[in-house]
Amino acid sequence: MNGCNFYILVITFLVFSLDSVYARRRPDGRWGDWGPWEGCTASCGTGISTRTASWIMNGIKTQYLFHDIMECSAAVKCPEDGHWGVWMMWEACPVMCGGGVHKRHRKCDSPEPTYGGRDCTGDSSEKRLCNNQTCPAVPKDFDPSFCLTDVFICKSAKFCVARKQICDGVLHCDDGSDEIDCATVSNFKQLDNSGCSMTKNTASRSIQLLLAWLAVIYLKY
């Protein structure tokens, strides 16, 4: 064996020897078993629950922990406070002139209070003045006999106007009733000469019923 081979053999022996010694002294570390799940952090609704495992070094449990987390639910629902919904539209003003009061409303439904939550605070309705312009006055020289013709009698029964003045966008009656319910023509409330209130639809139905009754009498006799 030459000198070179001898030195190689010695070095190889030393390497394996040192590795064997290191292997015997190498620390033995691992994670231990999982512990039990802890209780849910929430008293109502949802929360989290955790469990831990400890790092064990050479058979000794250390302070290093590994946490496992999952979501959990309590048996009790959490209270949810109520919140106001949007305001509804203003109600129609009860008068066309002279000043009236109308309202609008809102509901505690966005969401409603549940599971013992608090109700909405504040008012569910509010008021404001409407149509506070001055009403037309009854003419001093008004002749009641004019109301015997085909006219519209104001709801106040103090004045009457020509039918062409109904729903023309101008107040003529002393109470403004000539401009009420003008959005739909069929809903105009007009008074005949006897003072009875009648709509066009009501008059049409009355005529149909009368014709049907006359037909029954004719067929019977």
N, C-alpha and C. Protein backbone atom coordinates (compact mmCIF):
# COMPACT_ATOMS: atom_id res chain seq x y z
N MET A 1 0.87 -1.19 0.00
CA MET A 1 0.00 0.00 0.00
C MET A 1 0.90 1.23 0.00
N ASN A 2 0.71 2.08 -0.93
CA ASN A 2 1.52 3.28 -0.98
C ASN A 2 1.02 4.31 0.02
N GLY A 3 1.76 5.37 0.21
CA GLY A 3 1.41 6.37 1.20
C GLY A 3 0.12 7.09 0.91
N CYS A 4 -0.16 7.33 -0.36
CA CYS A 4 -1.39 8.07 -0.74
C CYS A 4 -2.61 7.28 -0.34
N ASN A 5 -2.63 6.01 -0.65
CA ASN A 5 -3.79 5.18 -0.31
C ASN A 5 -3.97 5.09 1.20
N PHE A 6 -2.86 5.07 1.93
CA PHE A 6 -2.94 4.99 3.38
C PHE A 6 -3.66 6.20 3.96
N TYR A 7 -3.29 7.40 3.47
CA TYR A 7 -3.94 8.62 3.98
C TYR A 7 -5.43 8.66 3.63
N ILE A 8 -5.80 8.20 2.44
CA ILE A 8 -7.21 8.16 2.06
C ILE A 8 -7.99 7.25 2.99
N LEU A 9 -7.40 6.10 3.32
CA LEU A 9 -8.06 5.16 4.22
C LEU A 9 -8.25 5.76 5.60
N VAL A 10 -7.25 6.48 6.08
CA VAL A 10 -7.36 7.11 7.40
C VAL A 10 -8.45 8.17 7.42
N ILE A 11 -8.47 9.00 6.39
CA ILE A 11 -9.49 10.08 6.33
C ILE A 11 -10.89 9.48 6.28
N THR A 12 -11.10 8.43 5.48
CA THR A 12 -12.41 7.79 5.38
C THR A 12 -12.85 7.24 6.73
N PHE A 13 -11.91 6.63 7.46
CA PHE A 13 -12.23 6.09 8.78
C PHE A 13 -12.65 7.19 9.74
N LEU A 14 -11.94 8.32 9.68
CA LEU A 14 -12.28 9.42 10.58
C LEU A 14 -13.67 10.00 10.27
N VAL A 15 -14.01 10.11 8.98
CA VAL A 15 -15.32 10.65 8.60
C VAL A 15 -16.43 9.77 9.13
N PHE A 16 -16.34 8.46 8.94
CA PHE A 16 -17.38 7.54 9.42
C PHE A 16 -17.44 7.53 10.94
N SER A 17 -16.32 7.70 11.59
CA SER A 17 -16.29 7.71 13.04
C SER A 17 -17.00 8.95 13.58
N LEU A 18 -16.68 10.10 13.00
CA LEU A 18 -17.33 11.34 13.45
C LEU A 18 -18.84 11.31 13.19
N ASP A 19 -19.26 10.75 12.05
CA ASP A 19 -20.69 10.68 11.73
C ASP A 19 -21.41 9.78 12.73
N SER A 20 -20.75 8.70 13.15
CA SER A 20 -21.35 7.79 14.12
C SER A 20 -21.51 8.47 15.46
N VAL A 21 -20.50 9.23 15.86
CA VAL A 21 -20.58 9.95 17.13
C VAL A 21 -21.67 11.00 17.09
N TYR A 22 -21.78 11.74 15.98
CA TYR A 22 -22.79 12.79 15.85
C TYR A 22 -24.20 12.21 15.88
N ALA A 23 -24.34 11.02 15.23
CA ALA A 23 -25.65 10.37 15.20
C ALA A 23 -26.10 10.00 16.60
N ARG A 24 -25.16 9.59 17.44
CA ARG A 24 -25.53 9.22 18.80
C ARG A 24 -25.89 10.44 19.64
N ARG A 25 -25.34 11.61 19.27
CA ARG A 25 -25.61 12.83 20.04
C ARG A 25 -26.70 13.71 19.39
N ARG A 26 -27.23 13.33 18.20
CA ARG A 26 -28.21 14.15 17.48
C ARG A 26 -29.48 14.28 18.33
N PRO A 27 -30.03 15.50 18.51
CA PRO A 27 -31.23 15.68 19.33
C PRO A 27 -32.43 15.01 18.67
N ASP A 28 -33.30 14.41 19.49
CA ASP A 28 -34.51 13.73 19.02
C ASP A 28 -35.69 14.66 19.28
N GLY A 29 -36.23 15.36 18.23
CA GLY A 29 -37.35 16.29 18.39
C GLY A 29 -38.54 15.89 17.53
N ARG A 30 -39.75 16.13 18.06
CA ARG A 30 -40.98 15.81 17.32
C ARG A 30 -42.15 16.54 17.99
N TRP A 31 -43.25 16.61 17.22
CA TRP A 31 -44.47 17.18 17.79
C TRP A 31 -45.22 16.09 18.55
N GLY A 32 -45.72 16.46 19.71
CA GLY A 32 -46.48 15.52 20.51
C GLY A 32 -47.91 15.37 19.99
N ASP A 33 -48.71 14.60 20.70
CA ASP A 33 -50.10 14.38 20.31
C ASP A 33 -50.93 15.65 20.53
N TRP A 34 -52.02 15.76 19.75
CA TRP A 34 -52.93 16.89 19.91
C TRP A 34 -53.65 16.81 21.25
N GLY A 35 -53.82 17.96 21.88
CA GLY A 35 -54.61 18.04 23.10
C GLY A 35 -56.09 18.15 22.77
N PRO A 36 -56.97 18.18 23.74
CA PRO A 36 -58.42 18.29 23.49
C PRO A 36 -58.79 19.67 22.95
N TRP A 37 -59.92 19.72 22.24
CA TRP A 37 -60.43 21.01 21.76
C TRP A 37 -60.91 21.84 22.95
N GLU A 38 -60.53 23.11 22.95
CA GLU A 38 -61.00 24.02 23.99
C GLU A 38 -62.44 24.45 23.69
N GLY A 39 -63.10 25.06 24.68
CA GLY A 39 -64.46 25.53 24.48
C GLY A 39 -64.54 26.66 23.47
N CYS A 40 -65.73 26.86 22.91
CA CYS A 40 -65.94 27.91 21.91
C CYS A 40 -65.77 29.28 22.56
N THR A 41 -65.12 30.18 21.86
CA THR A 41 -64.87 31.52 22.41
C THR A 41 -66.11 32.39 22.43
N ALA A 42 -67.16 32.01 21.70
CA ALA A 42 -68.37 32.84 21.60
C ALA A 42 -69.44 32.33 22.56
N SER A 43 -70.09 33.27 23.24
CA SER A 43 -71.23 32.92 24.08
C SER A 43 -72.53 32.90 23.28
N CYS A 44 -72.51 33.51 22.08
CA CYS A 44 -73.62 33.46 21.15
C CYS A 44 -73.07 33.60 19.74
N GLY A 45 -73.79 33.07 18.77
CA GLY A 45 -73.31 33.17 17.39
C GLY A 45 -72.13 32.25 17.14
N THR A 46 -71.15 32.72 16.38
CA THR A 46 -70.00 31.91 16.00
C THR A 46 -68.72 32.42 16.64
N GLY A 47 -67.78 31.51 16.90
CA GLY A 47 -66.47 31.85 17.45
C GLY A 47 -65.45 30.85 16.95
N ILE A 48 -64.38 30.64 17.71
CA ILE A 48 -63.35 29.68 17.33
C ILE A 48 -63.03 28.78 18.52
N SER A 49 -62.56 27.58 18.20
CA SER A 49 -62.07 26.64 19.20
C SER A 49 -60.67 26.21 18.78
N THR A 50 -59.77 26.01 19.74
CA THR A 50 -58.38 25.68 19.42
C THR A 50 -57.94 24.42 20.19
N ARG A 51 -56.95 23.76 19.61
CA ARG A 51 -56.25 22.69 20.30
C ARG A 51 -54.75 22.86 20.01
N THR A 52 -53.91 22.30 20.87
CA THR A 52 -52.46 22.52 20.74
C THR A 52 -51.69 21.20 20.84
N ALA A 53 -50.52 21.25 20.23
CA ALA A 53 -49.55 20.15 20.36
C ALA A 53 -48.21 20.76 20.76
N SER A 54 -47.48 20.09 21.65
CA SER A 54 -46.19 20.60 22.14
C SER A 54 -45.02 19.95 21.40
N TRP A 55 -43.93 20.71 21.27
CA TRP A 55 -42.69 20.18 20.68
C TRP A 55 -41.93 19.43 21.77
N ILE A 56 -41.65 18.13 21.48
CA ILE A 56 -40.96 17.30 22.45
C ILE A 56 -39.52 17.09 21.99
N MET A 57 -38.59 17.48 22.85
CA MET A 57 -37.16 17.37 22.54
C MET A 57 -36.52 16.38 23.51
N ASN A 58 -36.00 15.27 22.92
CA ASN A 58 -35.35 14.22 23.73
C ASN A 58 -36.26 13.74 24.85
N GLY A 59 -37.58 13.61 24.49
CA GLY A 59 -38.53 13.09 25.46
C GLY A 59 -39.07 14.10 26.43
N ILE A 60 -38.65 15.37 26.32
CA ILE A 60 -39.08 16.40 27.25
C ILE A 60 -39.98 17.39 26.50
N LYS A 61 -41.16 17.68 27.06
CA LYS A 61 -42.10 18.63 26.44
C LYS A 61 -41.57 20.05 26.64
N THR A 62 -41.51 20.80 25.54
CA THR A 62 -41.00 22.17 25.60
C THR A 62 -42.16 23.17 25.60
N GLN A 63 -41.81 24.46 25.61
CA GLN A 63 -42.82 25.52 25.63
C GLN A 63 -43.34 25.87 24.23
N TYR A 64 -42.76 25.28 23.22
CA TYR A 64 -43.17 25.60 21.85
C TYR A 64 -44.45 24.83 21.51
N LEU A 65 -45.46 25.56 21.05
CA LEU A 65 -46.78 24.97 20.79
C LEU A 65 -47.18 25.15 19.34
N PHE A 66 -47.94 24.21 18.83
CA PHE A 66 -48.53 24.28 17.49
C PHE A 66 -50.05 24.32 17.67
N HIS A 67 -50.69 25.37 17.13
CA HIS A 67 -52.12 25.59 17.34
C HIS A 67 -52.91 25.14 16.12
N ASP A 68 -54.03 24.49 16.39
CA ASP A 68 -54.99 24.11 15.35
C ASP A 68 -56.29 24.82 15.68
N ILE A 69 -56.90 25.50 14.71
CA ILE A 69 -58.08 26.35 14.94
C ILE A 69 -59.21 25.90 14.04
N MET A 70 -60.45 25.91 14.60
CA MET A 70 -61.64 25.66 13.78
C MET A 70 -62.77 26.56 14.26
N GLU A 71 -63.71 26.81 13.36
CA GLU A 71 -64.86 27.65 13.69
C GLU A 71 -65.87 26.83 14.48
N CYS A 72 -66.55 27.49 15.42
CA CYS A 72 -67.56 26.80 16.24
C CYS A 72 -68.76 27.72 16.41
N SER A 73 -69.88 27.14 16.78
CA SER A 73 -71.13 27.89 16.96
C SER A 73 -71.67 27.65 18.35
N ALA A 74 -72.11 28.76 18.99
CA ALA A 74 -72.75 28.64 20.30
C ALA A 74 -74.20 28.21 20.12
N ALA A 75 -74.79 27.70 21.17
CA ALA A 75 -76.17 27.22 21.09
C ALA A 75 -77.17 28.37 21.05
N VAL A 76 -76.74 29.58 21.40
CA VAL A 76 -77.64 30.74 21.48
C VAL A 76 -77.33 31.70 20.35
N LYS A 77 -78.39 32.21 19.69
CA LYS A 77 -78.24 33.22 18.65
C LYS A 77 -77.96 34.58 19.29
N CYS A 78 -77.12 35.36 18.66
CA CYS A 78 -76.81 36.69 19.17
C CYS A 78 -77.96 37.66 18.89
N PRO A 79 -78.26 38.57 19.82
CA PRO A 79 -79.29 39.59 19.55
C PRO A 79 -78.89 40.46 18.37
N GLU A 80 -79.87 40.83 17.55
CA GLU A 80 -79.62 41.72 16.41
C GLU A 80 -80.55 42.91 16.51
N ASP A 81 -79.97 44.09 16.62
CA ASP A 81 -80.77 45.31 16.75
C ASP A 81 -81.48 45.63 15.44
N GLY A 82 -82.61 46.29 15.58
CA GLY A 82 -83.37 46.70 14.41
C GLY A 82 -82.83 47.99 13.82
N HIS A 83 -83.04 48.18 12.54
CA HIS A 83 -82.63 49.41 11.85
C HIS A 83 -83.77 49.87 10.93
N TRP A 84 -83.88 51.18 10.80
CA TRP A 84 -84.96 51.75 9.99
C TRP A 84 -84.78 51.45 8.52
N GLY A 85 -85.91 51.19 7.84
CA GLY A 85 -85.91 51.12 6.40
C GLY A 85 -86.04 52.51 5.80
N VAL A 86 -86.16 52.60 4.50
CA VAL A 86 -86.25 53.91 3.84
C VAL A 86 -87.62 54.52 4.09
N TRP A 87 -87.69 55.83 4.03
CA TRP A 87 -88.96 56.54 4.18
C TRP A 87 -89.86 56.24 2.98
N MET A 88 -91.14 56.02 3.26
CA MET A 88 -92.11 55.88 2.20
C MET A 88 -92.45 57.26 1.63
N MET A 89 -93.21 57.25 0.55
CA MET A 89 -93.59 58.52 -0.08
C MET A 89 -94.56 59.28 0.82
N TRP A 90 -94.57 60.60 0.67
CA TRP A 90 -95.51 61.43 1.42
C TRP A 90 -96.94 61.10 0.99
N GLU A 91 -97.83 61.03 1.96
CA GLU A 91 -99.24 60.83 1.64
C GLU A 91 -99.78 62.06 0.91
N ALA A 92 -100.88 61.85 0.19
CA ALA A 92 -101.51 62.98 -0.50
C ALA A 92 -102.00 64.00 0.52
N CYS A 93 -101.85 65.25 0.16
CA CYS A 93 -102.33 66.32 1.04
C CYS A 93 -103.85 66.27 1.11
N PRO A 94 -104.46 66.37 2.29
CA PRO A 94 -105.91 66.26 2.39
C PRO A 94 -106.66 67.47 1.82
N VAL A 95 -105.97 68.57 1.61
CA VAL A 95 -106.62 69.76 1.06
C VAL A 95 -105.79 70.28 -0.11
N MET A 96 -106.43 71.05 -0.99
CA MET A 96 -105.74 71.63 -2.13
C MET A 96 -105.22 73.03 -1.83
N CYS A 97 -105.76 73.65 -0.78
CA CYS A 97 -105.34 75.00 -0.41
C CYS A 97 -105.75 75.24 1.03
N GLY A 98 -105.29 76.35 1.57
CA GLY A 98 -105.67 76.68 2.94
C GLY A 98 -104.79 76.05 4.00
N GLY A 99 -103.88 75.17 3.63
CA GLY A 99 -102.97 74.57 4.60
C GLY A 99 -103.48 73.25 5.16
N GLY A 100 -102.72 72.23 4.96
CA GLY A 100 -103.04 70.91 5.51
C GLY A 100 -101.79 70.26 6.05
N VAL A 101 -101.94 69.08 6.56
CA VAL A 101 -100.82 68.31 7.11
C VAL A 101 -100.86 66.91 6.51
N HIS A 102 -99.73 66.46 5.99
CA HIS A 102 -99.66 65.08 5.53
C HIS A 102 -98.44 64.40 6.14
N LYS A 103 -98.43 63.05 6.03
CA LYS A 103 -97.42 62.25 6.73
C LYS A 103 -96.67 61.36 5.74
N ARG A 104 -95.56 60.85 6.25
CA ARG A 104 -94.89 59.74 5.60
C ARG A 104 -94.39 58.79 6.71
N HIS A 105 -94.18 57.54 6.36
CA HIS A 105 -93.89 56.53 7.36
C HIS A 105 -92.63 55.73 6.98
N ARG A 106 -92.09 55.07 7.96
CA ARG A 106 -91.00 54.13 7.74
C ARG A 106 -91.15 52.97 8.72
N LYS A 107 -90.53 51.84 8.39
CA LYS A 107 -90.65 50.64 9.21
C LYS A 107 -89.28 50.21 9.73
N CYS A 108 -89.33 49.60 10.88
CA CYS A 108 -88.09 49.06 11.50
C CYS A 108 -87.90 47.64 10.97
N ASP A 109 -87.47 47.54 9.73
CA ASP A 109 -87.40 46.23 9.09
C ASP A 109 -86.13 46.02 8.27
N SER A 110 -85.06 46.74 8.58
CA SER A 110 -83.83 46.61 7.78
C SER A 110 -82.59 46.39 8.65
N PRO A 111 -82.53 45.33 9.45
CA PRO A 111 -83.56 44.30 9.62
C PRO A 111 -84.45 44.60 10.82
N GLU A 112 -85.42 43.71 11.05
CA GLU A 112 -86.22 43.78 12.25
C GLU A 112 -85.38 43.29 13.44
N PRO A 113 -85.68 43.78 14.65
CA PRO A 113 -84.94 43.28 15.82
C PRO A 113 -85.26 41.80 16.05
N THR A 114 -84.23 41.00 16.30
CA THR A 114 -84.42 39.57 16.52
C THR A 114 -83.60 39.11 17.73
N TYR A 115 -84.05 38.01 18.33
CA TYR A 115 -83.36 37.38 19.45
C TYR A 115 -83.07 38.37 20.58
N GLY A 116 -84.05 39.20 20.86
CA GLY A 116 -83.90 40.15 21.97
C GLY A 116 -83.15 41.41 21.62
N GLY A 117 -82.93 41.67 20.34
CA GLY A 117 -82.25 42.90 19.94
C GLY A 117 -83.11 44.13 20.20
N ARG A 118 -82.47 45.28 20.22
CA ARG A 118 -83.17 46.52 20.52
C ARG A 118 -83.99 47.01 19.32
N ASP A 119 -85.14 47.60 19.64
CA ASP A 119 -86.00 48.18 18.62
C ASP A 119 -85.37 49.47 18.09
N CYS A 120 -85.84 49.91 16.93
CA CYS A 120 -85.34 51.16 16.36
C CYS A 120 -85.69 52.34 17.28
N THR A 121 -84.83 53.30 17.35
CA THR A 121 -85.10 54.51 18.12
C THR A 121 -85.51 55.63 17.17
N GLY A 122 -86.40 56.49 17.66
CA GLY A 122 -86.89 57.57 16.81
C GLY A 122 -88.32 57.32 16.38
N ASP A 123 -88.85 58.24 15.60
CA ASP A 123 -90.26 58.20 15.18
C ASP A 123 -90.42 57.38 13.91
N SER A 124 -91.53 56.67 13.83
CA SER A 124 -91.84 55.89 12.63
C SER A 124 -92.58 56.71 11.59
N SER A 125 -92.95 57.95 11.92
CA SER A 125 -93.64 58.82 10.96
C SER A 125 -93.25 60.26 11.23
N GLU A 126 -93.44 61.09 10.24
CA GLU A 126 -93.21 62.52 10.41
C GLU A 126 -94.24 63.29 9.60
N LYS A 127 -94.48 64.53 10.02
CA LYS A 127 -95.51 65.37 9.40
C LYS A 127 -94.87 66.62 8.81
N ARG A 128 -95.58 67.20 7.87
CA ARG A 128 -95.18 68.51 7.36
C ARG A 128 -96.40 69.20 6.76
N LEU A 129 -96.33 70.52 6.68
CA LEU A 129 -97.42 71.29 6.10
C LEU A 129 -97.45 71.10 4.58
N CYS A 130 -98.62 71.21 4.01
CA CYS A 130 -98.76 71.07 2.56
C CYS A 130 -99.88 71.98 2.06
N ASN A 131 -99.74 72.40 0.82
CA ASN A 131 -100.74 73.22 0.14
C ASN A 131 -101.26 74.36 1.02
N ASN A 132 -100.33 75.17 1.49
CA ASN A 132 -100.72 76.26 2.39
C ASN A 132 -100.99 77.57 1.64
N GLN A 133 -101.14 77.48 0.33
CA GLN A 133 -101.51 78.70 -0.41
C GLN A 133 -102.96 79.09 -0.09
N THR A 134 -103.26 80.37 -0.24
CA THR A 134 -104.60 80.88 0.09
C THR A 134 -105.64 80.36 -0.90
N CYS A 135 -106.77 79.92 -0.37
CA CYS A 135 -107.86 79.42 -1.23
C CYS A 135 -108.59 80.60 -1.88
N PRO A 136 -109.16 80.38 -3.08
CA PRO A 136 -109.95 81.44 -3.71
C PRO A 136 -111.15 81.81 -2.83
N ALA A 137 -111.50 83.06 -2.83
CA ALA A 137 -112.65 83.52 -2.05
C ALA A 137 -113.92 83.40 -2.87
N VAL A 138 -115.04 83.21 -2.19
CA VAL A 138 -116.33 83.17 -2.88
C VAL A 138 -116.67 84.60 -3.34
N PRO A 139 -116.97 84.77 -4.62
CA PRO A 139 -117.29 86.13 -5.11
C PRO A 139 -118.45 86.75 -4.34
N LYS A 140 -118.33 88.04 -4.06
CA LYS A 140 -119.39 88.72 -3.31
C LYS A 140 -120.70 88.77 -4.09
N ASP A 141 -120.59 88.79 -5.42
CA ASP A 141 -121.80 88.86 -6.23
C ASP A 141 -122.20 87.49 -6.76
N PHE A 142 -121.83 86.42 -6.06
CA PHE A 142 -122.13 85.07 -6.52
C PHE A 142 -123.63 84.83 -6.51
N ASP A 143 -124.12 84.28 -7.62
CA ASP A 143 -125.56 83.99 -7.76
C ASP A 143 -125.76 82.48 -7.65
N PRO A 144 -126.39 81.98 -6.56
CA PRO A 144 -126.59 80.55 -6.39
C PRO A 144 -127.40 79.90 -7.51
N SER A 145 -128.20 80.68 -8.22
CA SER A 145 -129.00 80.10 -9.30
C SER A 145 -128.11 79.58 -10.43
N PHE A 146 -126.89 80.04 -10.49
CA PHE A 146 -125.95 79.56 -11.51
C PHE A 146 -125.68 78.06 -11.33
N CYS A 147 -125.81 77.57 -10.09
CA CYS A 147 -125.53 76.17 -9.79
C CYS A 147 -126.64 75.24 -10.25
N LEU A 148 -127.73 75.76 -10.80
CA LEU A 148 -128.79 74.91 -11.30
C LEU A 148 -128.48 74.39 -12.69
N THR A 149 -127.46 74.93 -13.35
CA THR A 149 -127.07 74.47 -14.67
C THR A 149 -126.03 73.36 -14.55
N ASP A 150 -125.48 72.92 -15.67
CA ASP A 150 -124.51 71.82 -15.69
C ASP A 150 -123.16 72.33 -15.22
N VAL A 151 -122.95 72.31 -13.89
CA VAL A 151 -121.74 72.85 -13.29
C VAL A 151 -121.21 71.86 -12.27
N PHE A 152 -120.04 72.19 -11.76
CA PHE A 152 -119.44 71.42 -10.67
C PHE A 152 -119.65 72.19 -9.38
N ILE A 153 -120.28 71.54 -8.40
CA ILE A 153 -120.52 72.19 -7.12
C ILE A 153 -119.34 71.89 -6.19
N CYS A 154 -118.74 72.92 -5.63
CA CYS A 154 -117.61 72.74 -4.72
C CYS A 154 -118.04 71.94 -3.50
N LYS A 155 -117.09 71.23 -2.90
CA LYS A 155 -117.41 70.41 -1.73
C LYS A 155 -117.91 71.25 -0.56
N SER A 156 -117.51 72.49 -0.51
CA SER A 156 -117.99 73.37 0.56
C SER A 156 -119.46 73.75 0.37
N ALA A 157 -120.00 73.47 -0.82
CA ALA A 157 -121.39 73.81 -1.17
C ALA A 157 -121.65 75.31 -1.12
N LYS A 158 -120.58 76.10 -1.17
CA LYS A 158 -120.74 77.55 -1.17
C LYS A 158 -120.56 78.15 -2.54
N PHE A 159 -120.10 77.34 -3.49
CA PHE A 159 -119.72 77.91 -4.77
C PHE A 159 -119.79 76.79 -5.81
N CYS A 160 -119.92 77.16 -7.07
CA CYS A 160 -119.88 76.19 -8.16
C CYS A 160 -119.16 76.83 -9.34
N VAL A 161 -118.57 75.96 -10.16
CA VAL A 161 -117.78 76.45 -11.29
C VAL A 161 -118.20 75.68 -12.54
N ALA A 162 -117.89 76.26 -13.69
CA ALA A 162 -118.18 75.57 -14.95
C ALA A 162 -117.34 74.29 -15.04
N ARG A 163 -117.89 73.25 -15.64
CA ARG A 163 -117.21 71.96 -15.71
C ARG A 163 -115.89 72.06 -16.49
N LYS A 164 -115.77 72.96 -17.40
CA LYS A 164 -114.53 73.10 -18.15
C LYS A 164 -113.39 73.61 -17.28
N GLN A 165 -113.74 74.13 -16.09
CA GLN A 165 -112.73 74.63 -15.18
C GLN A 165 -112.22 73.55 -14.22
N ILE A 166 -112.80 72.36 -14.30
CA ILE A 166 -112.35 71.27 -13.43
C ILE A 166 -111.03 70.73 -13.95
N CYS A 167 -110.09 70.54 -13.06
CA CYS A 167 -108.77 69.97 -13.39
C CYS A 167 -108.06 70.73 -14.51
N ASP A 168 -108.17 72.05 -14.47
CA ASP A 168 -107.45 72.85 -15.46
C ASP A 168 -106.15 73.41 -14.89
N GLY A 169 -105.79 72.96 -13.69
CA GLY A 169 -104.55 73.41 -13.07
C GLY A 169 -104.67 74.71 -12.31
N VAL A 170 -105.88 75.26 -12.22
CA VAL A 170 -106.12 76.51 -11.52
C VAL A 170 -107.22 76.29 -10.49
N LEU A 171 -107.00 76.76 -9.27
CA LEU A 171 -108.02 76.63 -8.24
C LEU A 171 -109.13 77.65 -8.47
N HIS A 172 -110.38 77.16 -8.52
CA HIS A 172 -111.53 78.04 -8.67
C HIS A 172 -112.46 77.96 -7.47
N CYS A 173 -112.64 76.75 -6.93
CA CYS A 173 -113.51 76.59 -5.77
C CYS A 173 -112.87 77.25 -4.54
N ASP A 174 -113.73 77.66 -3.61
CA ASP A 174 -113.23 78.28 -2.39
C ASP A 174 -112.46 77.29 -1.52
N ASP A 175 -112.64 75.98 -1.73
CA ASP A 175 -111.90 74.97 -0.99
C ASP A 175 -110.93 74.18 -1.88
N GLY A 176 -110.80 74.59 -3.15
CA GLY A 176 -109.88 73.92 -4.06
C GLY A 176 -110.33 72.56 -4.52
N SER A 177 -111.57 72.18 -4.27
CA SER A 177 -112.04 70.82 -4.58
C SER A 177 -112.16 70.57 -6.08
N ASP A 178 -112.08 71.61 -6.91
CA ASP A 178 -112.16 71.40 -8.36
C ASP A 178 -110.87 70.81 -8.92
N GLU A 179 -109.79 70.75 -8.10
CA GLU A 179 -108.53 70.20 -8.57
C GLU A 179 -108.14 68.91 -7.82
N ILE A 180 -109.07 68.34 -7.06
CA ILE A 180 -108.79 67.10 -6.33
C ILE A 180 -109.03 65.89 -7.24
N ASP A 181 -108.19 64.86 -7.09
CA ASP A 181 -108.33 63.61 -7.85
C ASP A 181 -108.30 63.85 -9.35
N CYS A 182 -107.40 64.68 -9.79
CA CYS A 182 -107.34 64.98 -11.22
C CYS A 182 -106.34 64.11 -11.97
N ALA A 183 -105.68 63.19 -11.31
CA ALA A 183 -104.72 62.33 -12.00
C ALA A 183 -105.42 61.36 -12.93
N THR A 184 -106.59 60.87 -12.53
CA THR A 184 -107.36 59.92 -13.35
C THR A 184 -108.73 60.51 -13.61
N VAL A 185 -109.04 60.73 -14.87
CA VAL A 185 -110.29 61.42 -15.22
C VAL A 185 -111.51 60.65 -14.74
N SER A 186 -111.45 59.29 -14.80
CA SER A 186 -112.61 58.50 -14.43
C SER A 186 -112.92 58.58 -12.94
N ASN A 187 -112.00 59.13 -12.15
CA ASN A 187 -112.24 59.22 -10.72
C ASN A 187 -112.72 60.60 -10.29
N PHE A 188 -113.00 61.49 -11.25
CA PHE A 188 -113.49 62.81 -10.87
C PHE A 188 -114.83 62.67 -10.17
N LYS A 189 -114.95 63.29 -9.03
CA LYS A 189 -116.22 63.26 -8.31
C LYS A 189 -116.98 64.52 -8.66
N GLN A 190 -118.08 64.35 -9.36
CA GLN A 190 -118.87 65.48 -9.81
C GLN A 190 -120.27 65.37 -9.21
N LEU A 191 -120.88 66.49 -9.01
CA LEU A 191 -122.22 66.53 -8.42
C LEU A 191 -123.23 66.90 -9.48
N ASP A 192 -124.33 66.12 -9.51
CA ASP A 192 -125.39 66.50 -10.44
C ASP A 192 -126.23 67.60 -9.81
N ASN A 193 -127.30 67.99 -10.49
CA ASN A 193 -128.10 69.12 -10.02
C ASN A 193 -128.81 68.82 -8.71
N SER A 194 -129.00 67.52 -8.39
CA SER A 194 -129.67 67.17 -7.15
C SER A 194 -128.72 67.16 -5.97
N GLY A 195 -127.43 67.35 -6.26
CA GLY A 195 -126.45 67.39 -5.19
C GLY A 195 -125.85 66.04 -4.89
N CYS A 196 -126.16 64.99 -5.67
CA CYS A 196 -125.62 63.66 -5.44
C CYS A 196 -124.24 63.53 -6.09
N SER A 197 -123.37 62.80 -5.46
CA SER A 197 -122.05 62.57 -6.01
C SER A 197 -122.10 61.37 -6.95
N MET A 198 -121.55 61.53 -8.18
CA MET A 198 -121.61 60.45 -9.15
C MET A 198 -120.38 60.51 -10.04
N THR A 199 -119.81 59.34 -10.34
CA THR A 199 -118.69 59.27 -11.26
C THR A 199 -119.19 58.74 -12.59
N LYS A 200 -118.35 58.87 -13.63
CA LYS A 200 -118.73 58.39 -14.95
C LYS A 200 -118.91 56.88 -14.94
N ASN A 201 -118.06 56.16 -14.22
CA ASN A 201 -118.19 54.71 -14.16
C ASN A 201 -119.47 54.30 -13.46
N THR A 202 -119.83 55.01 -12.38
CA THR A 202 -121.06 54.69 -11.66
C THR A 202 -122.27 54.91 -12.55
N ALA A 203 -122.27 56.00 -13.30
CA ALA A 203 -123.40 56.28 -14.18
C ALA A 203 -123.52 55.22 -15.26
N SER A 204 -122.40 54.77 -15.82
CA SER A 204 -122.43 53.75 -16.86
C SER A 204 -122.98 52.44 -16.32
N ARG A 205 -122.58 52.04 -15.12
CA ARG A 205 -123.09 50.80 -14.54
C ARG A 205 -124.58 50.90 -14.25
N SER A 206 -125.02 52.05 -13.79
CA SER A 206 -126.43 52.25 -13.49
C SER A 206 -127.27 52.09 -14.75
N ILE A 207 -126.83 52.65 -15.88
CA ILE A 207 -127.56 52.53 -17.14
C ILE A 207 -127.62 51.09 -17.60
N GLN A 208 -126.50 50.34 -17.46
CA GLN A 208 -126.49 48.94 -17.85
C GLN A 208 -127.46 48.12 -17.02
N LEU A 209 -127.51 48.36 -15.72
CA LEU A 209 -128.45 47.64 -14.86
C LEU A 209 -129.89 47.96 -15.21
N LEU A 210 -130.15 49.24 -15.55
CA LEU A 210 -131.51 49.64 -15.91
C LEU A 210 -131.95 48.95 -17.19
N LEU A 211 -131.07 48.89 -18.19
CA LEU A 211 -131.41 48.23 -19.45
C LEU A 211 -131.65 46.74 -19.24
N ALA A 212 -130.85 46.11 -18.41
CA ALA A 212 -131.04 44.69 -18.12
C ALA A 212 -132.37 44.44 -17.42
N TRP A 213 -132.76 45.33 -16.50
CA TRP A 213 -134.03 45.19 -15.79
C TRP A 213 -135.21 45.35 -16.74
N LEU A 214 -135.13 46.30 -17.67
CA LEU A 214 -136.20 46.50 -18.65
C LEU A 214 -136.32 45.30 -19.57
N ALA A 215 -135.17 44.68 -19.94
CA ALA A 215 -135.22 43.50 -20.80
C ALA A 215 -135.91 42.34 -20.11
N VAL A 216 -135.64 42.17 -18.80
CA VAL A 216 -136.31 41.09 -18.05
C VAL A 216 -137.81 41.30 -18.00
N ILE A 217 -138.24 42.55 -17.77
CA ILE A 217 -139.69 42.85 -17.73
C ILE A 217 -140.32 42.59 -19.08
N TYR A 218 -139.64 42.97 -20.18
CA TYR A 218 -140.19 42.78 -21.52
C TYR A 218 -140.38 41.29 -21.84
N LEU A 219 -139.40 40.47 -21.50
CA LEU A 219 -139.48 39.03 -21.77
C LEU A 219 -140.53 38.35 -20.92
N LYS A 220 -140.76 38.90 -19.72
CA LYS A 220 -141.72 38.28 -18.80
C LYS A 220 -143.15 38.52 -19.28
N TYR A 221 -143.41 39.71 -19.77
CA TYR A 221 -144.77 40.05 -20.19
C TYR A 221 -144.95 40.03 -21.70
